Amino acid sequence: MEQLRIGIVGGGLGGLTLARVLHVHGIEATVYERDASAGARTQGGMLDIHDYNGQVALRKTGLFEEFRRIIHPGGEAMRILDRHAAVRVEEADDGHGGRPEVDRGQLRSMLIGSLPEGTIRWGGAVTSVAAIGDGRHELTLGDGGTETTDLLVGADGAWSRIRPLVTDARPAYAGVTFFEVDLLDADSRHPGAAEVVGAGMLFALGPGKGFLAHRETDGSLHVYVALRVPEDWAATAGFGGSGDPRTLLVSQFDGWSPRLRALITDADGPVVPRAINVLPAGLRWDRVPGVTLLGDAAHLMSPFAGEGANLAMFDGAALGKAIVAHPGDPEGALAAYEAELFPRSADAAREAAANLEICFRDDAPQSLIDQFAAYAAAGQ
């Protein structure tokens, strides 16, 4: 039987998981990644990998034991503070939780290292794509070259170039913007901030704003300063102008504890604004021959359910399993995959949207405390 030409656009966690599952089963694929190399840019912060989806996917890659070696001990610790920096809830990491923390960059490197040389086409930015009949697609790359696929997978994130082949849906602003900052070598250089954040994850919330932070494996603190503001607030408020953006940002937290405000004023390096965008919860599309989506390309959602990376990997593993189960029948594989993808991602997207509202309600942080209590009562 002639080998299908499988093209995976995007070398994030979902696309790499798909490529690895296919490789385990002797099926070749090419990953088209726009980055020039594996180390071309930083890969974000910590991820909690859930036992019901992300870890399930990693078991299908055959890399689960390797994954266990990069878990961050203590990373599942969590605390919720109010705007006065009073601790309202605190949970230690006893090592038996279902959501161990890992560094995204280390996880991605593990997946990259598990693939044969040449699987990933570095510098392979896809600039356009066109259907050429019988489920085949022609990709035009940034260097002017072209490639043809029998089965095309869009694993290329929020602003996917593959998504328009199956749907007109585009991401929309969710009403919250994160401003990312880092405090380096926190225990020695920023001991007050290190004590506030603790060993794992911090939520310090109030109506319409707050701090979400976590301790990284290198000893730094990665902080998301969250504001419920109009989409153009950063630009219209003068953010990024000649002044110090930290001054503008900290002014939004008048009346908050100086210990929390210091997460902004003492930050090292630049302040990076990131608008939270989402696709419609429950997004579906009609079956389009030869193409599908996974991860954020398929179901971009807010990070308030912690499901983005987990679902991307689960999608990749599920699609790989479907391809293996339907040899020579790509349409059967894609139909089977999408039949499970749509309800799975709809549930997670609705939870993420609901949790965003909970985190910034007028009664925050009590709203989040009540939500965690509900999860505990339900055994989640």
Foldseek 3Di string as FASTA:
>chain_A
DDAFAEEEEALAQLSLLLQLLCVVVVHAYAYQHQAQDLPRDADDFKAWAAQVFQLVSCVSSVCNVVVVVQFDPFAVWEFEAELQLDTPDTDTCPPPDRTTMGTRSVSSVVSVVSDDPPRYDYSFAFPAKDDDDPLKMWTQGPVRDIDIGNAYEFAPAQQTRQLVLWDPWHWDFLQKKWWKFKAPLCVPQPVLLCVSQDAHWYWYFAAQWTKIWTAGPRRMIIITTMGRDPPCCCVVVQNPHPDANLVVSLVVSPPGHPSRSCVRVVTPDHIHMDGQIWTDQLDDGDDDRRYDYFANSRTRAGCLLSCRSSRSSSLSSQLSVLCVVDDPCNSSSVVVSRVVSRVVSNVSRVVRSVRVCQRNHNPPPVSVVVVVVVCVVVVD
